[in-house]
Amino acid sequence: MIKLAAIKVNNGEIHTGKRHAYIMWSMPYGYFKNNSVQGFVTDDGAFVNREEAAKIAYKNGQIKEEVRELFSEQLIELTEDDIKEARKLYGEKSKLTE
């Protein structure tokens, strides 16, 4: 089962969060550029890329249709608190919408 969005850096670090965007926003600008892979962490702690995550999520009923790649937005619905947090951190021009 897919648990969290994750970004794996070439040095082996794995950063996790609710959405990939939240992970990127939490680090200095450019930290993940050209040296990372976006994916997910499973319930057993394994890092998987977007393609493998799509298969796992479909098999476990986390998404209703088969897709080639999984995106964190397909697993979660943004809550009002998510939107408020994004606006607090990044201003009203945040790309998150209600």
C-alpha atoms as a PDB file:
ATOM      1  CA  MET A   1       0.000   0.000   0.000  1.00  0.00           C
ATOM      2  CA  ILE A   2       1.235   3.506  -0.789  1.00  0.00           C
ATOM      3  CA  LYS A   3       1.704   5.611   2.338  1.00  0.00           C
ATOM      4  CA  LEU A   4       3.460   8.882   1.448  1.00  0.00           C
ATOM      5  CA  ALA A   5       4.818  10.877  -1.435  1.00  0.00           C
ATOM      6  CA  ALA A   6       8.614  10.739  -1.457  1.00  0.00           C
ATOM      7  CA  ILE A   7      11.629  12.184  -3.197  1.00  0.00           C
ATOM      8  CA  LYS A   8      14.842  10.173  -3.224  1.00  0.00           C
ATOM      9  CA  VAL A   9      18.047  12.166  -3.639  1.00  0.00           C
ATOM     10  CA  ASN A  10      21.107  10.632  -5.327  1.00  0.00           C
ATOM     11  CA  ASN A  11      22.948  10.528  -2.001  1.00  0.00           C
ATOM     12  CA  GLY A  12      20.310   8.080  -0.722  1.00  0.00           C
ATOM     13  CA  GLU A  13      18.259  10.498   1.373  1.00  0.00           C
ATOM     14  CA  ILE A  14      14.515   9.979   1.135  1.00  0.00           C
ATOM     15  CA  HIS A  15      12.257  12.925   1.971  1.00  0.00           C
ATOM     16  CA  THR A  16       8.568  12.209   2.554  1.00  0.00           C
ATOM     17  CA  GLY A  17       5.366  14.197   2.816  1.00  0.00           C
ATOM     18  CA  LYS A  18       1.713  14.341   1.909  1.00  0.00           C
ATOM     19  CA  ARG A  19       2.426  15.759  -1.559  1.00  0.00           C
ATOM     20  CA  HIS A  20       5.576  16.065  -3.663  1.00  0.00           C
ATOM     21  CA  ALA A  21       5.108  19.827  -3.820  1.00  0.00           C
ATOM     22  CA  TYR A  22       5.142  20.077  -0.026  1.00  0.00           C
ATOM     23  CA  ILE A  23       8.412  18.153   0.086  1.00  0.00           C
ATOM     24  CA  MET A  24      10.020  20.424  -2.509  1.00  0.00           C
ATOM     25  CA  TRP A  25       8.777  23.564  -0.792  1.00  0.00           C
ATOM     26  CA  SER A  26      10.323  22.407   2.493  1.00  0.00           C
ATOM     27  CA  MET A  27      13.872  22.404   1.095  1.00  0.00           C
ATOM     28  CA  PRO A  28      16.120  25.164  -0.277  1.00  0.00           C
ATOM     29  CA  TYR A  29      15.406  26.176  -3.866  1.00  0.00           C
ATOM     30  CA  GLY A  30      17.043  23.790  -6.316  1.00  0.00           C
ATOM     31  CA  TYR A  31      17.845  21.099  -3.728  1.00  0.00           C
ATOM     32  CA  PHE A  32      16.096  18.389  -5.718  1.00  0.00           C
ATOM     33  CA  LYS A  33      16.963  19.630  -9.193  1.00  0.00           C
ATOM     34  CA  ASN A  34      18.670  17.065 -11.471  1.00  0.00           C
ATOM     35  CA  ASN A  35      19.638  14.722  -8.663  1.00  0.00           C
ATOM     36  CA  SER A  36      16.454  13.121  -7.460  1.00  0.00           C
ATOM     37  CA  VAL A  37      13.605  10.765  -8.275  1.00  0.00           C
ATOM     38  CA  GLN A  38      10.007  11.414  -7.328  1.00  0.00           C
ATOM     39  CA  GLY A  39       8.104   8.428  -6.054  1.00  0.00           C
ATOM     40  CA  PHE A  40       6.367   7.082  -2.991  1.00  0.00           C
ATOM     41  CA  VAL A  41       7.040   5.117   0.172  1.00  0.00           C
ATOM     42  CA  THR A  42       5.038   1.954   0.781  1.00  0.00           C
ATOM     43  CA  ASP A  43       3.652   0.687   4.058  1.00  0.00           C
ATOM     44  CA  ASP A  44       6.724  -1.541   4.443  1.00  0.00           C
ATOM     45  CA  GLY A  45       9.074   1.438   4.016  1.00  0.00           C
ATOM     46  CA  ALA A  46      10.239   0.734   0.454  1.00  0.00           C
ATOM     47  CA  PHE A  47      10.792   3.598  -1.976  1.00  0.00           C
ATOM     48  CA  VAL A  48       9.096   3.015  -5.349  1.00  0.00           C
ATOM     49  CA  ASN A  49       9.025   5.198  -8.461  1.00  0.00           C
ATOM     50  CA  ARG A  50       5.822   6.659  -9.890  1.00  0.00           C
ATOM     51  CA  GLU A  51       5.251   3.729 -12.273  1.00  0.00           C
ATOM     52  CA  GLU A  52       5.554   1.042  -9.613  1.00  0.00           C
ATOM     53  CA  ALA A  53       3.485   3.143  -7.204  1.00  0.00           C
ATOM     54  CA  ALA A  54       0.666   3.297  -9.778  1.00  0.00           C
ATOM     55  CA  LYS A  55       0.536  -0.502  -9.931  1.00  0.00           C
ATOM     56  CA  ILE A  56       0.583  -0.837  -6.140  1.00  0.00           C
ATOM     57  CA  ALA A  57      -2.091   1.823  -5.611  1.00  0.00           C
ATOM     58  CA  TYR A  58      -4.409   0.236  -8.172  1.00  0.00           C
ATOM     59  CA  LYS A  59      -3.892  -3.273  -6.772  1.00  0.00           C
ATOM     60  CA  ASN A  60      -4.738  -2.015  -3.271  1.00  0.00           C
ATOM     61  CA  GLY A  61      -7.804  -0.024  -4.321  1.00  0.00           C
ATOM     62  CA  GLN A  62      -6.237   3.350  -3.589  1.00  0.00           C
ATOM     63  CA  ILE A  63      -7.076   4.559  -7.103  1.00  0.00           C
ATOM     64  CA  LYS A  64     -10.022   3.448  -9.217  1.00  0.00           C
ATOM     65  CA  GLU A  65      -8.416   3.392 -12.659  1.00  0.00           C
ATOM     66  CA  GLU A  66      -5.095   2.062 -13.866  1.00  0.00           C
ATOM     67  CA  VAL A  67      -2.614   4.802 -14.703  1.00  0.00           C
ATOM     68  CA  ARG A  68       0.948   4.733 -16.009  1.00  0.00           C
ATOM     69  CA  GLU A  69       2.355   6.996 -13.262  1.00  0.00           C
ATOM     70  CA  LEU A  70       0.966   7.881  -9.848  1.00  0.00           C
ATOM     71  CA  PHE A  71       0.769  11.473  -8.649  1.00  0.00           C
ATOM     72  CA  SER A  72       0.144  12.395  -5.024  1.00  0.00           C
ATOM     73  CA  GLU A  73      -2.937  14.376  -6.039  1.00  0.00           C
ATOM     74  CA  GLN A  74      -4.549  11.112  -7.128  1.00  0.00           C
ATOM     75  CA  LEU A  75      -4.330   9.750  -3.577  1.00  0.00           C
ATOM     76  CA  ILE A  76      -5.480  12.709  -1.525  1.00  0.00           C
ATOM     77  CA  GLU A  77      -8.110  15.348  -1.567  1.00  0.00           C
ATOM     78  CA  LEU A  78      -6.963  18.756  -0.473  1.00  0.00           C
ATOM     79  CA  THR A  79      -8.595  19.860   2.732  1.00  0.00           C
ATOM     80  CA  GLU A  80      -9.333  23.425   3.702  1.00  0.00           C
ATOM     81  CA  ASP A  81      -6.398  23.156   6.142  1.00  0.00           C
ATOM     82  CA  ASP A  82      -4.047  22.147   3.278  1.00  0.00           C
ATOM     83  CA  ILE A  83      -5.113  25.191   1.297  1.00  0.00           C
ATOM     84  CA  LYS A  84      -4.741  27.517   4.295  1.00  0.00           C
ATOM     85  CA  GLU A  85      -1.264  26.116   5.040  1.00  0.00           C
ATOM     86  CA  ALA A  86      -0.124  26.610   1.449  1.00  0.00           C
ATOM     87  CA  ARG A  87      -1.428  30.171   1.413  1.00  0.00           C
ATOM     88  CA  LYS A  88       0.231  30.884   4.757  1.00  0.00           C
ATOM     89  CA  LEU A  89       3.571  29.607   3.474  1.00  0.00           C
ATOM     90  CA  TYR A  90       3.417  30.795  -0.126  1.00  0.00           C
ATOM     91  CA  GLY A  91       0.852  33.578  -0.247  1.00  0.00           C
ATOM     92  CA  GLU A  92      -2.440  33.914  -2.039  1.00  0.00           C
ATOM     93  CA  LYS A  93      -0.754  33.096  -5.368  1.00  0.00           C
ATOM     94  CA  SER A  94      -0.267  29.494  -4.304  1.00  0.00           C
ATOM     95  CA  LYS A  95      -1.175  27.111  -7.104  1.00  0.00           C
ATOM     96  CA  LEU A  96      -3.395  25.162  -4.738  1.00  0.00           C
ATOM     97  CA  THR A  97      -7.005  25.972  -5.379  1.00  0.00           C
ATOM     98  CA  GLU A  98     -10.187  25.251  -3.558  1.00  0.00           C
END
